C-alpha atoms as a PDB file:
ATOM      1  CA  ALA A   1     109.831 215.708 141.866  1.00  0.00           C
ATOM      2  CA  GLY A   2     106.695 217.788 142.509  1.00  0.00           C
ATOM      3  CA  LYS A   3     107.905 219.043 145.876  1.00  0.00           C
ATOM      4  CA  ARG A   4     111.320 219.789 144.407  1.00  0.00           C
ATOM      5  CA  ARG A   5     109.673 222.174 141.938  1.00  0.00           C
ATOM      6  CA  GLU A   6     107.823 223.899 144.794  1.00  0.00           C
ATOM      7  CA  VAL A   7     111.050 224.314 146.785  1.00  0.00           C
ATOM      8  CA  ASP A   8     112.880 225.632 143.708  1.00  0.00           C
ATOM      9  CA  SER A   9     110.020 228.054 143.048  1.00  0.00           C
ATOM     10  CA  VAL A  10     110.097 229.393 146.626  1.00  0.00           C
ATOM     11  CA  LEU A  11     113.871 229.775 146.483  1.00  0.00           C
ATOM     12  CA  ALA A  12     113.688 231.561 143.103  1.00  0.00           C
ATOM     13  CA  LYS A  13     111.013 233.967 144.358  1.00  0.00           C
ATOM     14  CA  GLY A  14     113.086 234.686 147.456  1.00  0.00           C
ATOM     15  CA  GLU A  15     116.171 235.384 145.324  1.00  0.00           C
ATOM     16  CA  GLU A  16     114.050 237.607 143.093  1.00  0.00           C
ATOM     17  CA  LEU A  17     112.821 239.603 146.101  1.00  0.00           C
ATOM     18  CA  ILE A  18     116.365 239.978 147.385  1.00  0.00           C
ATOM     19  CA  GLY A  19     117.503 241.077 143.901  1.00  0.00           C
ATOM     20  CA  LYS A  20     114.770 243.712 143.688  1.00  0.00           C
ATOM     21  CA  GLY A  21     115.572 244.969 147.178  1.00  0.00           C
ATOM     22  CA  LYS A  22     111.935 244.596 148.265  1.00  0.00           C
ATOM     23  CA  SER A  23     112.740 242.554 151.347  1.00  0.00           C
ATOM     24  CA  PRO A  24     115.346 242.773 154.106  1.00  0.00           C
ATOM     25  CA  SER A  25     117.939 240.655 152.328  1.00  0.00           C
ATOM     26  CA  ALA A  26     119.970 239.373 155.343  1.00  0.00           C
ATOM     27  CA  GLY A  27     117.006 237.714 157.094  1.00  0.00           C
ATOM     28  CA  LEU A  28     115.539 236.337 153.892  1.00  0.00           C
ATOM     29  CA  ARG A  29     118.958 235.077 152.758  1.00  0.00           C
ATOM     30  CA  ARG A  30     119.318 233.154 156.040  1.00  0.00           C
ATOM     31  CA  ARG A  31     115.867 231.629 155.640  1.00  0.00           C
ATOM     32  CA  LEU A  32     116.522 230.690 152.014  1.00  0.00           C
ATOM     33  CA  ASP A  33     119.836 229.099 153.022  1.00  0.00           C
ATOM     34  CA  ASP A  34     118.006 227.189 155.788  1.00  0.00           C
ATOM     35  CA  VAL A  35     115.408 225.918 153.303  1.00  0.00           C
ATOM     36  CA  ARG A  36     118.171 224.884 150.876  1.00  0.00           C
ATOM     37  CA  ARG A  37     120.116 223.097 153.639  1.00  0.00           C
ATOM     38  CA  GLN A  38     117.025 221.350 155.013  1.00  0.00           C
ATOM     39  CA  TRP A  39     115.989 220.242 151.530  1.00  0.00           C
ATOM     40  CA  ASP A  40     119.498 218.950 150.784  1.00  0.00           C
ATOM     41  CA  ASP A  41     119.539 217.070 154.120  1.00  0.00           C
ATOM     42  CA  LEU A  42     116.158 215.555 153.325  1.00  0.00           C
ATOM     43  CA  GLU A  43     117.321 214.444 149.863  1.00  0.00           C
ATOM     44  CA  LYS A  44     120.437 212.856 151.372  1.00  0.00           C
ATOM     45  CA  SER A  45     118.355 211.029 153.975  1.00  0.00           C
ATOM     46  CA  VAL A  46     115.925 209.753 151.359  1.00  0.00           C
ATOM     47  CA  GLY A  47     118.833 208.696 149.136  1.00  0.00           C
ATOM     48  CA  ALA A  48     120.459 206.777 151.988  1.00  0.00           C
ATOM     49  CA  TYR A  49     117.107 205.162 152.797  1.00  0.00           C
ATOM     50  CA  ARG A  50     116.687 204.078 149.168  1.00  0.00           C
ATOM     51  CA  VAL A  51     120.162 202.520 149.151  1.00  0.00           C
ATOM     52  CA  LEU A  52     119.397 200.661 152.376  1.00  0.00           C
ATOM     53  CA  LEU A  53     116.038 199.559 150.988  1.00  0.00           C
ATOM     54  CA  ASP A  54     117.672 198.261 147.779  1.00  0.00           C
ATOM     55  CA  GLU A  55     120.344 196.397 149.761  1.00  0.00           C
ATOM     56  CA  THR A  56     117.724 194.846 152.032  1.00  0.00           C
ATOM     57  CA  LEU A  57     115.606 193.802 149.059  1.00  0.00           C
ATOM     58  CA  GLU A  58     118.638 192.134 147.462  1.00  0.00           C
ATOM     59  CA  LYS A  59     119.403 190.286 150.716  1.00  0.00           C
ATOM     60  CA  ALA A  60     115.769 189.228 151.071  1.00  0.00           C
ATOM     61  CA  GLU A  61     115.686 187.909 147.492  1.00  0.00           C
ATOM     62  CA  ARG A  62     118.895 185.914 148.005  1.00  0.00           C
ATOM     63  CA  PHE A  63     117.597 184.496 151.296  1.00  0.00           C
ATOM     64  CA  GLN A  64     114.225 183.583 149.770  1.00  0.00           C
ATOM     65  CA  ALA A  65     115.832 181.841 146.786  1.00  0.00           C
ATOM     66  CA  ALA A  66     118.140 179.762 149.026  1.00  0.00           C
ATOM     67  CA  TYR A  67     115.277 179.048 151.410  1.00  0.00           C
ATOM     68  CA  ASP A  68     112.978 177.920 148.588  1.00  0.00           C
ATOM     69  CA  ASP A  69     115.680 175.684 147.084  1.00  0.00           C
ATOM     70  CA  PHE A  70     116.246 174.018 150.439  1.00  0.00           C
ATOM     71  CA  GLU A  71     112.492 173.720 150.986  1.00  0.00           C
ATOM     72  CA  SER A  72     112.200 171.813 147.690  1.00  0.00           C
ATOM     73  CA  PHE A  73     115.001 169.479 148.748  1.00  0.00           C
ATOM     74  CA  LEU A  74     113.314 168.835 152.112  1.00  0.00           C
ATOM     75  CA  ASN A  75     109.960 168.131 150.481  1.00  0.00           C
ATOM     76  CA  GLU A  76     111.542 165.695 148.036  1.00  0.00           C
ATOM     77  CA  LYS A  77     113.468 163.815 150.728  1.00  0.00           C
ATOM     78  CA  GLU A  78     110.507 163.687 153.094  1.00  0.00           C
ATOM     79  CA  GLU A  79     108.506 162.107 150.272  1.00  0.00           C
ATOM     80  CA  THR A  80     111.328 159.580 149.790  1.00  0.00           C
ATOM     81  CA  VAL A  81     111.190 158.686 153.489  1.00  0.00           C
ATOM     82  CA  ARG A  82     107.410 158.220 153.316  1.00  0.00           C
ATOM     83  CA  ASN A  83     107.913 155.798 150.431  1.00  0.00           C
ATOM     84  CA  PHE A  84     110.630 153.672 152.027  1.00  0.00           C
ATOM     85  CA  ALA A  85     109.638 150.042 151.654  1.00  0.00           C
ATOM     86  CA  GLY A  86     109.641 147.684 154.574  1.00  0.00           C
ATOM     87  CA  ILE A  87     112.902 145.882 155.212  1.00  0.00           C
ATOM     88  CA  GLY A  88     113.254 143.037 152.724  1.00  0.00           C
ATOM     89  CA  VAL A  89     113.811 139.437 153.678  1.00  0.00           C
ATOM     90  CA  ARG A  90     115.878 138.370 150.693  1.00  0.00           C
ATOM     91  CA  VAL A  91     119.578 139.185 150.546  1.00  0.00           C
ATOM     92  CA  ASP A  92     119.291 140.929 147.166  1.00  0.00           C
ATOM     93  CA  GLU A  93     116.411 143.109 148.452  1.00  0.00           C
ATOM     94  CA  ILE A  94     118.347 144.030 151.582  1.00  0.00           C
ATOM     95  CA  LYS A  95     121.489 144.928 149.583  1.00  0.00           C
ATOM     96  CA  LYS A  96     119.429 147.094 147.226  1.00  0.00           C
ATOM     97  CA  GLN A  97     117.795 148.848 150.194  1.00  0.00           C
ATOM     98  CA  GLU A  98     121.194 149.379 151.842  1.00  0.00           C
ATOM     99  CA  GLU A  99     122.428 151.049 148.649  1.00  0.00           C
ATOM    100  CA  GLU A 100     119.330 153.254 148.508  1.00  0.00           C
ATOM    101  CA  ILE A 101     119.767 154.247 152.151  1.00  0.00           C
ATOM    102  CA  GLU A 102     123.454 154.991 151.617  1.00  0.00           C
ATOM    103  CA  ALA A 103     122.628 157.200 148.614  1.00  0.00           C
ATOM    104  CA  PHE A 104     119.890 158.908 150.643  1.00  0.00           C
ATOM    105  CA  CYS A 105     122.283 159.584 153.552  1.00  0.00           C
ATOM    106  CA  VAL A 106     124.974 160.954 151.228  1.00  0.00           C
ATOM    107  CA  ASP A 107     122.463 163.204 149.488  1.00  0.00           C
ATOM    108  CA  VAL A 108     121.199 164.531 152.820  1.00  0.00           C
ATOM    109  CA  LYS A 109     124.767 165.059 154.110  1.00  0.00           C
ATOM    110  CA  ASN A 110     125.630 166.944 150.912  1.00  0.00           C
ATOM    111  CA  HIS A 111     123.037 169.523 151.861  1.00  0.00           C
ATOM    112  CA  ASP A 112     124.811 170.671 155.016  1.00  0.00           C
ATOM    113  CA  ARG A 113     126.342 173.575 153.088  1.00  0.00           C
ATOM    114  CA  PRO A 114     123.088 174.773 151.492  1.00  0.00           C
ATOM    115  CA  LEU A 115     121.519 174.842 154.967  1.00  0.00           C
ATOM    116  CA  GLU A 116     124.507 176.817 156.265  1.00  0.00           C
ATOM    117  CA  GLU A 117     123.996 179.227 153.373  1.00  0.00           C
ATOM    118  CA  VAL A 118     120.355 179.725 154.400  1.00  0.00           C
ATOM    119  CA  ASP A 119     121.592 180.424 157.958  1.00  0.00           C
ATOM    120  CA  GLU A 120     124.179 182.932 156.734  1.00  0.00           C
ATOM    121  CA  LEU A 121     121.733 184.737 154.452  1.00  0.00           C
ATOM    122  CA  ALA A 122     119.154 184.908 157.248  1.00  0.00           C
ATOM    123  CA  ALA A 123     121.766 186.318 159.641  1.00  0.00           C
ATOM    124  CA  ASP A 124     122.816 188.893 157.042  1.00  0.00           C
ATOM    125  CA  LEU A 125     119.221 189.874 156.351  1.00  0.00           C
ATOM    126  CA  CYS A 126     118.448 190.242 160.066  1.00  0.00           C
ATOM    127  CA  SER A 127     121.687 191.924 161.115  1.00  0.00           C
ATOM    128  CA  GLY A 128     121.046 195.046 163.095  1.00  0.00           C
ATOM    129  CA  ARG A 129     117.504 194.049 163.999  1.00  0.00           C
ATOM    130  CA  ALA A 130     116.431 193.696 167.608  1.00  0.00           C
ATOM    131  CA  ASP A 131     115.685 190.198 168.881  1.00  0.00           C
ATOM    132  CA  ASP A 132     112.026 191.131 169.370  1.00  0.00           C
ATOM    133  CA  ASP A 133     111.656 192.431 165.788  1.00  0.00           C
ATOM    134  CA  GLU A 134     108.682 190.597 164.226  1.00  0.00           C
ATOM    135  CA  ASP A 135     110.399 190.090 160.850  1.00  0.00           C
ATOM    136  CA  LYS A 136     113.482 188.659 162.553  1.00  0.00           C
ATOM    137  CA  LYS A 137     111.314 186.340 164.639  1.00  0.00           C
ATOM    138  CA  GLY A 138     109.542 185.149 161.495  1.00  0.00           C
ATOM    139  CA  ILE A 139     112.778 184.470 159.621  1.00  0.00           C
ATOM    140  CA  ASP A 140     114.304 182.755 162.663  1.00  0.00           C
ATOM    141  CA  GLY A 141     111.221 180.543 162.854  1.00  0.00           C
ATOM    142  CA  MET A 142     111.453 179.642 159.175  1.00  0.00           C
ATOM    143  CA  VAL A 143     115.115 178.683 159.506  1.00  0.00           C
ATOM    144  CA  GLU A 144     114.514 176.745 162.718  1.00  0.00           C
ATOM    145  CA  ASN A 145     111.777 174.764 160.960  1.00  0.00           C
ATOM    146  CA  HIS A 146     114.238 173.810 158.205  1.00  0.00           C
ATOM    147  CA  HIS A 147     116.778 172.692 160.788  1.00  0.00           C
ATOM    148  CA  LYS A 148     114.232 170.483 162.522  1.00  0.00           C
ATOM    149  CA  ARG A 149     113.112 168.898 159.264  1.00  0.00           C
ATOM    150  CA  TYR A 150     116.711 168.398 158.122  1.00  0.00           C
ATOM    151  CA  ASP A 151     117.722 166.824 161.439  1.00  0.00           C
ATOM    152  CA  SER A 152     114.707 164.537 161.203  1.00  0.00           C
ATOM    153  CA  LEU A 153     115.771 163.404 157.718  1.00  0.00           C
ATOM    154  CA  ARG A 154     119.307 162.703 158.896  1.00  0.00           C
ATOM    155  CA  LEU A 155     118.035 160.696 161.852  1.00  0.00           C
ATOM    156  CA  ARG A 156     115.609 158.739 159.666  1.00  0.00           C
ATOM    157  CA  GLY A 157     118.434 157.852 157.284  1.00  0.00           C
ATOM    158  CA  GLU A 158     120.741 156.868 160.137  1.00  0.00           C
ATOM    159  CA  LYS A 159     118.074 154.748 161.855  1.00  0.00           C
ATOM    160  CA  ARG A 160     117.181 153.045 158.595  1.00  0.00           C
ATOM    161  CA  ASP A 161     120.866 152.449 157.843  1.00  0.00           C
ATOM    162  CA  ARG A 162     121.363 150.688 161.197  1.00  0.00           C
ATOM    163  CA  LYS A 163     118.499 148.215 160.732  1.00  0.00           C
END
């Protein structure tokens, strides 16, 4: 806003000089028009940058929320795996453990879509970025880590289910 006032002041003084006939009006008019055009171009560029910045912030917030939700799920299920009891020896214990494993496997499988959503949001957030962009590398690493942990949970459930 401060610079806008300075530009407006310069333009007004130039118009005043032209109006009073104290300056060669054709050359000054061209320069004033150039200043006006350059200022307008700058405002358009800044406006477009702000829109892009707002869109990127919205994408980043959506990605982070989905990522954090999936992170919580992974932490919870990894804790469940750590607390799996040894395989029982009584039929009723084994049946109960089979039911728990089945529920675990279903719950893990039901999170395929949330992981896909994290992938999609990451791709949207990183679209247009070069492969060597540090932010893109960081996000790719975060998502890859989730995939590894998720695959590990699925394998643990499948192995446990086969025993």
